Amino acid sequence: MTQRVELATLMDRFAVDGLVTEYAVAVDDGDWDAYRRLFAPDGRADYRSAGGIEGDAGQVAGWLARSMELFPMRQHLIVNRRLRFGVLDQDRGDTARVQADYINPMRFAGDDGGSTAPDFVCGGRYAFALVRTDLGWRLREVVVQEKWRRMPQPRQEPAVT
């Protein structure tokens, strides 16, 4: 490989990594316009394994906006990213696949609109499919593969003696 090709590959890796990070930030901050902009025009997301929906980016953003009202505080972390570049129309590097694990702690909303403890926590794996567009790298598909979740335990009232 020439240095020019290696540099281009490194820049693509940074751009793809940045896009995955922007995805996490958009969901955690509830920035649904930013979420939609991360996707290619034909981009889709599938949250069915986590009890959600599958659809185009606009449909899923609407569902997320409603669902996330239950959780005013959320911070999911995307780790162990494995990236592979692919081929589209015989041009090397026009597509990419990222498989990454996640852990997602969220806090339920309280009666007064604030947050309460304990937290709801889930984890699993993302499968991202990306495509290079005129606007840069965009998400073509996001599939959530939830593997586990921990629900808060009901509060135990002290025994009356």
C-alpha atoms as a PDB file:
ATOM      1  CA  MET A   1       0.000   0.000   0.000  1.00  0.00           C
ATOM      2  CA  THR A   2       1.189   3.492  -0.681  1.00  0.00           C
ATOM      3  CA  GLN A   3       1.301   6.120   2.025  1.00  0.00           C
ATOM      4  CA  ARG A   4      -1.516   8.001   0.265  1.00  0.00           C
ATOM      5  CA  VAL A   5      -3.805   4.933   0.398  1.00  0.00           C
ATOM      6  CA  GLU A   6      -2.886   4.272   4.034  1.00  0.00           C
ATOM      7  CA  LEU A   7      -3.631   7.903   4.948  1.00  0.00           C
ATOM      8  CA  ALA A   8      -7.009   7.774   3.158  1.00  0.00           C
ATOM      9  CA  THR A   9      -7.865   4.557   5.022  1.00  0.00           C
ATOM     10  CA  LEU A  10      -6.955   6.138   8.351  1.00  0.00           C
ATOM     11  CA  MET A  11      -9.080   9.177   7.578  1.00  0.00           C
ATOM     12  CA  ASP A  12     -12.015   6.916   6.676  1.00  0.00           C
ATOM     13  CA  ARG A  13     -11.567   4.990   9.930  1.00  0.00           C
ATOM     14  CA  PHE A  14     -11.662   8.247  11.908  1.00  0.00           C
ATOM     15  CA  ALA A  15     -14.739   9.450   9.997  1.00  0.00           C
ATOM     16  CA  VAL A  16     -16.614   6.176  10.543  1.00  0.00           C
ATOM     17  CA  ASP A  17     -15.679   6.139  14.228  1.00  0.00           C
ATOM     18  CA  GLY A  18     -16.865   9.740  14.541  1.00  0.00           C
ATOM     19  CA  LEU A  19     -20.197   8.873  12.910  1.00  0.00           C
ATOM     20  CA  VAL A  20     -20.802   6.047  15.406  1.00  0.00           C
ATOM     21  CA  THR A  21     -19.980   8.446  18.250  1.00  0.00           C
ATOM     22  CA  GLU A  22     -22.353  11.077  16.820  1.00  0.00           C
ATOM     23  CA  TYR A  23     -25.064   8.410  16.719  1.00  0.00           C
ATOM     24  CA  ALA A  24     -24.645   7.731  20.463  1.00  0.00           C
ATOM     25  CA  VAL A  25     -24.609  11.450  21.293  1.00  0.00           C
ATOM     26  CA  ALA A  26     -27.724  12.174  19.207  1.00  0.00           C
ATOM     27  CA  VAL A  27     -29.682   9.412  20.970  1.00  0.00           C
ATOM     28  CA  ASP A  28     -28.433  10.360  24.443  1.00  0.00           C
ATOM     29  CA  ASP A  29     -29.125  14.078  23.894  1.00  0.00           C
ATOM     30  CA  GLY A  30     -32.464  13.479  22.185  1.00  0.00           C
ATOM     31  CA  ASP A  31     -31.348  15.411  19.099  1.00  0.00           C
ATOM     32  CA  TRP A  32     -33.631  13.686  16.612  1.00  0.00           C
ATOM     33  CA  ASP A  33     -32.823  16.056  13.749  1.00  0.00           C
ATOM     34  CA  ALA A  34     -29.139  15.184  14.131  1.00  0.00           C
ATOM     35  CA  TYR A  35     -30.104  11.498  14.350  1.00  0.00           C
ATOM     36  CA  ARG A  36     -31.926  11.721  10.989  1.00  0.00           C
ATOM     37  CA  ARG A  37     -28.980  13.534   9.345  1.00  0.00           C
ATOM     38  CA  LEU A  38     -26.646  10.656  10.224  1.00  0.00           C
ATOM     39  CA  PHE A  39     -28.502   8.359   7.834  1.00  0.00           C
ATOM     40  CA  ALA A  40     -28.283   7.961   4.060  1.00  0.00           C
ATOM     41  CA  PRO A  41     -31.573   8.749   2.256  1.00  0.00           C
ATOM     42  CA  ASP A  42     -32.487   5.036   2.241  1.00  0.00           C
ATOM     43  CA  GLY A  43     -31.192   4.483   5.795  1.00  0.00           C
ATOM     44  CA  ARG A  44     -33.080   2.208   8.177  1.00  0.00           C
ATOM     45  CA  ALA A  45     -32.857   1.150  11.809  1.00  0.00           C
ATOM     46  CA  ASP A  46     -34.103  -1.957  13.597  1.00  0.00           C
ATOM     47  CA  TYR A  47     -34.723  -1.828  17.360  1.00  0.00           C
ATOM     48  CA  ARG A  48     -37.064  -4.843  17.511  1.00  0.00           C
ATOM     49  CA  SER A  49     -34.773  -6.943  19.715  1.00  0.00           C
ATOM     50  CA  ALA A  50     -35.054  -4.193  22.352  1.00  0.00           C
ATOM     51  CA  GLY A  51     -38.853  -3.988  22.106  1.00  0.00           C
ATOM     52  CA  GLY A  52     -38.864  -1.258  19.471  1.00  0.00           C
ATOM     53  CA  ILE A  53     -39.638  -0.877  15.805  1.00  0.00           C
ATOM     54  CA  GLU A  54     -37.929  -1.267  12.438  1.00  0.00           C
ATOM     55  CA  GLY A  55     -38.271   1.452   9.835  1.00  0.00           C
ATOM     56  CA  ASP A  56     -36.687   4.341   7.991  1.00  0.00           C
ATOM     57  CA  ALA A  57     -34.663   6.871   9.966  1.00  0.00           C
ATOM     58  CA  GLY A  58     -37.580   9.310  10.252  1.00  0.00           C
ATOM     59  CA  GLN A  59     -39.997   6.688  11.580  1.00  0.00           C
ATOM     60  CA  VAL A  60     -37.471   5.380  14.077  1.00  0.00           C
ATOM     61  CA  ALA A  61     -36.499   8.892  15.226  1.00  0.00           C
ATOM     62  CA  GLY A  62     -40.176   9.588  15.957  1.00  0.00           C
ATOM     63  CA  TRP A  63     -40.519   6.361  17.920  1.00  0.00           C
ATOM     64  CA  LEU A  64     -37.302   7.071  19.848  1.00  0.00           C
ATOM     65  CA  ALA A  65     -38.440  10.608  20.681  1.00  0.00           C
ATOM     66  CA  ARG A  66     -41.628   9.239  22.268  1.00  0.00           C
ATOM     67  CA  SER A  67     -39.938   6.264  23.973  1.00  0.00           C
ATOM     68  CA  MET A  68     -37.062   8.236  25.447  1.00  0.00           C
ATOM     69  CA  GLU A  69     -39.449  10.589  27.277  1.00  0.00           C
ATOM     70  CA  LEU A  70     -39.488   7.860  29.960  1.00  0.00           C
ATOM     71  CA  PHE A  71     -35.756   8.347  30.472  1.00  0.00           C
ATOM     72  CA  PRO A  72     -34.667  11.988  30.941  1.00  0.00           C
ATOM     73  CA  MET A  73     -31.119  10.829  31.699  1.00  0.00           C
ATOM     74  CA  ARG A  74     -29.347   8.409  29.382  1.00  0.00           C
ATOM     75  CA  GLN A  75     -25.773   7.724  28.466  1.00  0.00           C
ATOM     76  CA  HIS A  76     -24.963   4.764  26.313  1.00  0.00           C
ATOM     77  CA  LEU A  77     -21.439   3.749  25.583  1.00  0.00           C
ATOM     78  CA  ILE A  78     -20.402   2.055  22.355  1.00  0.00           C
ATOM     79  CA  VAL A  79     -17.216   0.003  22.752  1.00  0.00           C
ATOM     80  CA  ASN A  80     -15.184  -2.805  21.156  1.00  0.00           C
ATOM     81  CA  ARG A  81     -15.704  -1.424  17.650  1.00  0.00           C
ATOM     82  CA  ARG A  82     -14.742  -3.760  14.822  1.00  0.00           C
ATOM     83  CA  LEU A  83     -14.620  -2.078  11.420  1.00  0.00           C
ATOM     84  CA  ARG A  84     -14.500  -3.653   7.954  1.00  0.00           C
ATOM     85  CA  PHE A  85     -14.497  -1.745   4.688  1.00  0.00           C
ATOM     86  CA  GLY A  86     -16.326  -3.212   1.692  1.00  0.00           C
ATOM     87  CA  VAL A  87     -16.845  -2.692  -2.003  1.00  0.00           C
ATOM     88  CA  LEU A  88     -19.680  -0.899  -3.814  1.00  0.00           C
ATOM     89  CA  ASP A  89     -19.740  -0.611  -7.604  1.00  0.00           C
ATOM     90  CA  GLN A  90     -16.184  -1.976  -7.774  1.00  0.00           C
ATOM     91  CA  ASP A  91     -14.747   1.019  -5.870  1.00  0.00           C
ATOM     92  CA  ARG A  92     -12.857  -0.224  -2.849  1.00  0.00           C
ATOM     93  CA  GLY A  93     -13.878   1.366   0.428  1.00  0.00           C
ATOM     94  CA  ASP A  94     -17.321   2.807  -0.407  1.00  0.00           C
ATOM     95  CA  THR A  95     -19.058   0.770   2.288  1.00  0.00           C
ATOM     96  CA  ALA A  96     -18.223  -0.173   5.828  1.00  0.00           C
ATOM     97  CA  ARG A  97     -19.576  -2.427   8.535  1.00  0.00           C
ATOM     98  CA  VAL A  98     -19.071  -1.798  12.211  1.00  0.00           C
ATOM     99  CA  GLN A  99     -19.941  -4.284  14.898  1.00  0.00           C
ATOM    100  CA  ALA A 100     -19.772  -2.788  18.374  1.00  0.00           C
ATOM    101  CA  ASP A 101     -20.943  -3.648  21.865  1.00  0.00           C
ATOM    102  CA  TYR A 102     -22.962  -1.240  23.978  1.00  0.00           C
ATOM    103  CA  ILE A 103     -24.044  -0.684  27.535  1.00  0.00           C
ATOM    104  CA  ASN A 104     -26.919   1.702  28.079  1.00  0.00           C
ATOM    105  CA  PRO A 105     -27.797   3.012  31.553  1.00  0.00           C
ATOM    106  CA  MET A 106     -30.919   5.173  31.699  1.00  0.00           C
ATOM    107  CA  ARG A 107     -32.795   6.804  34.548  1.00  0.00           C
ATOM    108  CA  PHE A 108     -36.611   6.739  34.708  1.00  0.00           C
ATOM    109  CA  ALA A 109     -38.530  10.003  34.900  1.00  0.00           C
ATOM    110  CA  GLY A 110     -40.099  10.850  38.235  1.00  0.00           C
ATOM    111  CA  ASP A 111     -43.651  12.022  38.855  1.00  0.00           C
ATOM    112  CA  ASP A 112     -42.509  15.648  38.854  1.00  0.00           C
ATOM    113  CA  GLY A 113     -40.699  15.287  35.520  1.00  0.00           C
ATOM    114  CA  GLY A 114     -37.318  14.895  37.215  1.00  0.00           C
ATOM    115  CA  SER A 115     -35.457  11.634  37.416  1.00  0.00           C
ATOM    116  CA  THR A 116     -35.548   8.855  39.940  1.00  0.00           C
ATOM    117  CA  ALA A 117     -33.361   5.976  40.947  1.00  0.00           C
ATOM    118  CA  PRO A 118     -32.804   3.113  40.350  1.00  0.00           C
ATOM    119  CA  ASP A 119     -31.583   2.895  36.803  1.00  0.00           C
ATOM    120  CA  PHE A 120     -32.671   0.705  33.908  1.00  0.00           C
ATOM    121  CA  VAL A 121     -29.595  -0.797  32.233  1.00  0.00           C
ATOM    122  CA  CYS A 122     -29.294  -2.873  29.074  1.00  0.00           C
ATOM    123  CA  GLY A 123     -26.507  -4.079  26.847  1.00  0.00           C
ATOM    124  CA  GLY A 124     -25.914  -5.781  23.564  1.00  0.00           C
ATOM    125  CA  ARG A 125     -24.390  -5.301  20.149  1.00  0.00           C
ATOM    126  CA  TYR A 126     -24.889  -2.878  17.291  1.00  0.00           C
ATOM    127  CA  ALA A 127     -24.458  -3.809  13.641  1.00  0.00           C
ATOM    128  CA  PHE A 128     -23.891  -0.629  11.621  1.00  0.00           C
ATOM    129  CA  ALA A 129     -23.793  -0.626   7.810  1.00  0.00           C
ATOM    130  CA  LEU A 130     -22.377   2.588   6.330  1.00  0.00           C
ATOM    131  CA  VAL A 131     -22.030   4.041   2.862  1.00  0.00           C
ATOM    132  CA  ARG A 132     -19.859   6.846   1.532  1.00  0.00           C
ATOM    133  CA  THR A 133     -22.037   9.649   0.100  1.00  0.00           C
ATOM    134  CA  ASP A 134     -21.374  13.110  -1.327  1.00  0.00           C
ATOM    135  CA  LEU A 135     -21.917  14.387   2.244  1.00  0.00           C
ATOM    136  CA  GLY A 136     -19.443  11.907   3.736  1.00  0.00           C
ATOM    137  CA  TRP A 137     -20.091   8.645   5.556  1.00  0.00           C
ATOM    138  CA  ARG A 138     -23.744   7.957   6.437  1.00  0.00           C
ATOM    139  CA  LEU A 139     -25.631   5.118   8.095  1.00  0.00           C
ATOM    140  CA  ARG A 140     -27.432   2.792   5.729  1.00  0.00           C
ATOM    141  CA  GLU A 141     -28.589   0.426   8.468  1.00  0.00           C
ATOM    142  CA  VAL A 142     -28.463   0.147  12.254  1.00  0.00           C
ATOM    143  CA  VAL A 143     -29.507  -3.105  13.905  1.00  0.00           C
ATOM    144  CA  VAL A 144     -29.708  -3.313  17.688  1.00  0.00           C
ATOM    145  CA  GLN A 145     -29.154  -6.772  19.137  1.00  0.00           C
ATOM    146  CA  GLU A 146     -30.080  -6.429  22.804  1.00  0.00           C
ATOM    147  CA  LYS A 147     -28.525  -9.267  24.819  1.00  0.00           C
ATOM    148  CA  TRP A 148     -29.529  -8.401  28.374  1.00  0.00           C
ATOM    149  CA  ARG A 149     -31.344  -5.895  30.542  1.00  0.00           C
ATOM    150  CA  ARG A 150     -31.654  -5.167  34.228  1.00  0.00           C
ATOM    151  CA  MET A 151     -34.875  -3.635  35.431  1.00  0.00           C
ATOM    152  CA  PRO A 152     -35.113  -1.797  38.735  1.00  0.00           C
ATOM    153  CA  GLN A 153     -36.313  -3.899  41.634  1.00  0.00           C
ATOM    154  CA  PRO A 154     -39.536  -2.775  43.303  1.00  0.00           C
ATOM    155  CA  ARG A 155     -38.908  -0.879  46.506  1.00  0.00           C
ATOM    156  CA  GLN A 156     -39.306  -2.935  49.637  1.00  0.00           C
ATOM    157  CA  GLU A 157     -41.298  -1.227  52.332  1.00  0.00           C
ATOM    158  CA  PRO A 158     -39.901  -1.740  55.823  1.00  0.00           C
ATOM    159  CA  ALA A 159     -41.739  -4.355  57.826  1.00  0.00           C
ATOM    160  CA  VAL A 160     -44.115  -2.946  60.421  1.00  0.00           C
ATOM    161  CA  THR A 161     -43.560  -4.482  63.833  1.00  0.00           C
END
